[in-house]
């Protein structure tokens, strides 16, 4: 009886463990948006690399436009070390 229980329970436990671990992954990077305003156009958004949110002395730019963390000139300018 004890052997029968192990033969049934062990594969079931392994399957449950495999299914649970399949959903336990974590993304390595988060997609973040930066905003820029071309002349005579509305604010546009673009994907931004993670270091741009760390702050520093190098401005983060996209096609020559300064990137901001929100679609407003009063928002924080994005820069990286």
C-alpha atoms as a PDB file:
ATOM      1  CA  UNK A   1       0.000   0.000   0.000  1.00  0.00           C
ATOM      2  CA  UNK A   2       2.825   2.350   0.913  1.00  0.00           C
ATOM      3  CA  UNK A   3       4.604   1.654  -2.399  1.00  0.00           C
ATOM      4  CA  UNK A   4       1.393   2.241  -4.361  1.00  0.00           C
ATOM      5  CA  UNK A   5       0.923   5.601  -2.696  1.00  0.00           C
ATOM      6  CA  UNK A   6       4.496   6.654  -3.586  1.00  0.00           C
ATOM      7  CA  UNK A   7       4.063   5.507  -7.186  1.00  0.00           C
ATOM      8  CA  UNK A   8       0.982   7.713  -7.494  1.00  0.00           C
ATOM      9  CA  UNK A   9       1.969  10.686  -5.346  1.00  0.00           C
ATOM     10  CA  UNK A  10       5.535  11.220  -6.535  1.00  0.00           C
ATOM     11  CA  UNK A  11       4.708  11.806 -10.241  1.00  0.00           C
ATOM     12  CA  UNK A  12       1.733  13.972  -9.277  1.00  0.00           C
ATOM     13  CA  UNK A  13       3.946  16.066  -7.010  1.00  0.00           C
ATOM     14  CA  UNK A  14       6.555  16.390  -9.775  1.00  0.00           C
ATOM     15  CA  UNK A  15       3.944  17.570 -12.271  1.00  0.00           C
ATOM     16  CA  UNK A  16       2.525  20.121  -9.818  1.00  0.00           C
ATOM     17  CA  UNK A  17       6.019  21.386  -9.052  1.00  0.00           C
ATOM     18  CA  UNK A  18       6.854  21.732 -12.764  1.00  0.00           C
ATOM     19  CA  UNK A  19       3.652  23.630 -13.499  1.00  0.00           C
ATOM     20  CA  UNK A  20       4.154  25.929 -10.521  1.00  0.00           C
ATOM     21  CA  UNK A  21       7.755  26.728 -11.435  1.00  0.00           C
ATOM     22  CA  UNK A  22       6.805  27.406 -15.050  1.00  0.00           C
ATOM     23  CA  UNK A  23       4.895  30.491 -13.881  1.00  0.00           C
ATOM     24  CA  UNK A  24       7.505  31.599 -11.359  1.00  0.00           C
ATOM     25  CA  UNK A  25       9.766  33.330 -13.880  1.00  0.00           C
ATOM     26  CA  UNK A  26      10.644  36.987 -13.514  1.00  0.00           C
ATOM     27  CA  UNK A  27      11.333  39.455 -16.308  1.00  0.00           C
ATOM     28  CA  UNK A  28      14.929  40.681 -16.362  1.00  0.00           C
ATOM     29  CA  UNK A  29      14.069  44.162 -17.604  1.00  0.00           C
ATOM     30  CA  UNK A  30      10.991  46.303 -17.517  1.00  0.00           C
ATOM     31  CA  UNK A  31       9.829  48.160 -20.586  1.00  0.00           C
ATOM     32  CA  UNK A  32       9.852  51.845 -19.714  1.00  0.00           C
ATOM     33  CA  UNK A  33       8.567  54.783 -21.691  1.00  0.00           C
ATOM     34  CA  UNK A  34      10.275  58.077 -22.290  1.00  0.00           C
ATOM     35  CA  UNK A  35       8.560  61.074 -23.869  1.00  0.00           C
ATOM     36  CA  UNK A  36       9.820  63.702 -26.310  1.00  0.00           C
ATOM     37  CA  UNK A  37       8.170  66.606 -28.129  1.00  0.00           C
ATOM     38  CA  UNK A  38       9.087  67.286 -31.748  1.00  0.00           C
ATOM     39  CA  UNK A  39       8.596  70.838 -32.982  1.00  0.00           C
ATOM     40  CA  UNK A  40       4.959  71.641 -33.894  1.00  0.00           C
ATOM     41  CA  UNK A  41       3.819  68.118 -32.947  1.00  0.00           C
ATOM     42  CA  UNK A  42       2.235  66.392 -29.964  1.00  0.00           C
ATOM     43  CA  UNK A  43       4.225  64.483 -27.356  1.00  0.00           C
ATOM     44  CA  UNK A  44       5.526  61.138 -28.589  1.00  0.00           C
ATOM     45  CA  UNK A  45       6.587  58.101 -26.556  1.00  0.00           C
ATOM     46  CA  UNK A  46       9.433  55.668 -27.117  1.00  0.00           C
ATOM     47  CA  UNK A  47      10.977  52.706 -25.324  1.00  0.00           C
ATOM     48  CA  UNK A  48      13.841  53.748 -23.038  1.00  0.00           C
ATOM     49  CA  UNK A  49      16.762  51.742 -21.686  1.00  0.00           C
ATOM     50  CA  UNK A  50      16.843  51.186 -17.924  1.00  0.00           C
ATOM     51  CA  UNK A  51      19.965  53.310 -17.162  1.00  0.00           C
ATOM     52  CA  UNK A  52      18.105  56.435 -18.332  1.00  0.00           C
ATOM     53  CA  UNK A  53      16.083  56.329 -15.097  1.00  0.00           C
ATOM     54  CA  UNK A  54      19.229  56.171 -12.902  1.00  0.00           C
ATOM     55  CA  UNK A  55      20.183  59.826 -13.316  1.00  0.00           C
ATOM     56  CA  UNK A  56      23.612  61.140 -14.123  1.00  0.00           C
ATOM     57  CA  UNK A  57      25.494  63.535 -16.332  1.00  0.00           C
ATOM     58  CA  UNK A  58      24.644  62.166 -19.800  1.00  0.00           C
ATOM     59  CA  UNK A  59      21.267  63.206 -21.178  1.00  0.00           C
ATOM     60  CA  UNK A  60      19.077  60.535 -22.735  1.00  0.00           C
ATOM     61  CA  UNK A  61      17.959  61.621 -26.188  1.00  0.00           C
ATOM     62  CA  UNK A  62      15.947  60.138 -29.009  1.00  0.00           C
ATOM     63  CA  UNK A  63      16.562  61.416 -32.546  1.00  0.00           C
ATOM     64  CA  UNK A  64      18.069  64.532 -30.996  1.00  0.00           C
ATOM     65  CA  UNK A  65      15.193  65.310 -28.595  1.00  0.00           C
ATOM     66  CA  UNK A  66      15.581  65.281 -24.803  1.00  0.00           C
ATOM     67  CA  UNK A  67      13.588  62.474 -23.149  1.00  0.00           C
ATOM     68  CA  UNK A  68      11.293  63.094 -20.167  1.00  0.00           C
ATOM     69  CA  UNK A  69       9.608  60.669 -17.756  1.00  0.00           C
ATOM     70  CA  UNK A  70       6.158  62.195 -18.465  1.00  0.00           C
ATOM     71  CA  UNK A  71       4.709  64.124 -21.412  1.00  0.00           C
ATOM     72  CA  UNK A  72       5.465  67.574 -19.951  1.00  0.00           C
ATOM     73  CA  UNK A  73       8.410  69.966 -19.990  1.00  0.00           C
ATOM     74  CA  UNK A  74       8.082  70.258 -16.207  1.00  0.00           C
ATOM     75  CA  UNK A  75       8.672  66.481 -15.856  1.00  0.00           C
ATOM     76  CA  UNK A  76      12.063  65.039 -14.947  1.00  0.00           C
ATOM     77  CA  UNK A  77      14.594  64.979 -17.781  1.00  0.00           C
ATOM     78  CA  UNK A  78      16.011  61.491 -18.227  1.00  0.00           C
ATOM     79  CA  UNK A  79      19.760  61.031 -17.888  1.00  0.00           C
ATOM     80  CA  UNK A  80      22.183  58.186 -17.321  1.00  0.00           C
ATOM     81  CA  UNK A  81      25.578  57.823 -15.653  1.00  0.00           C
END
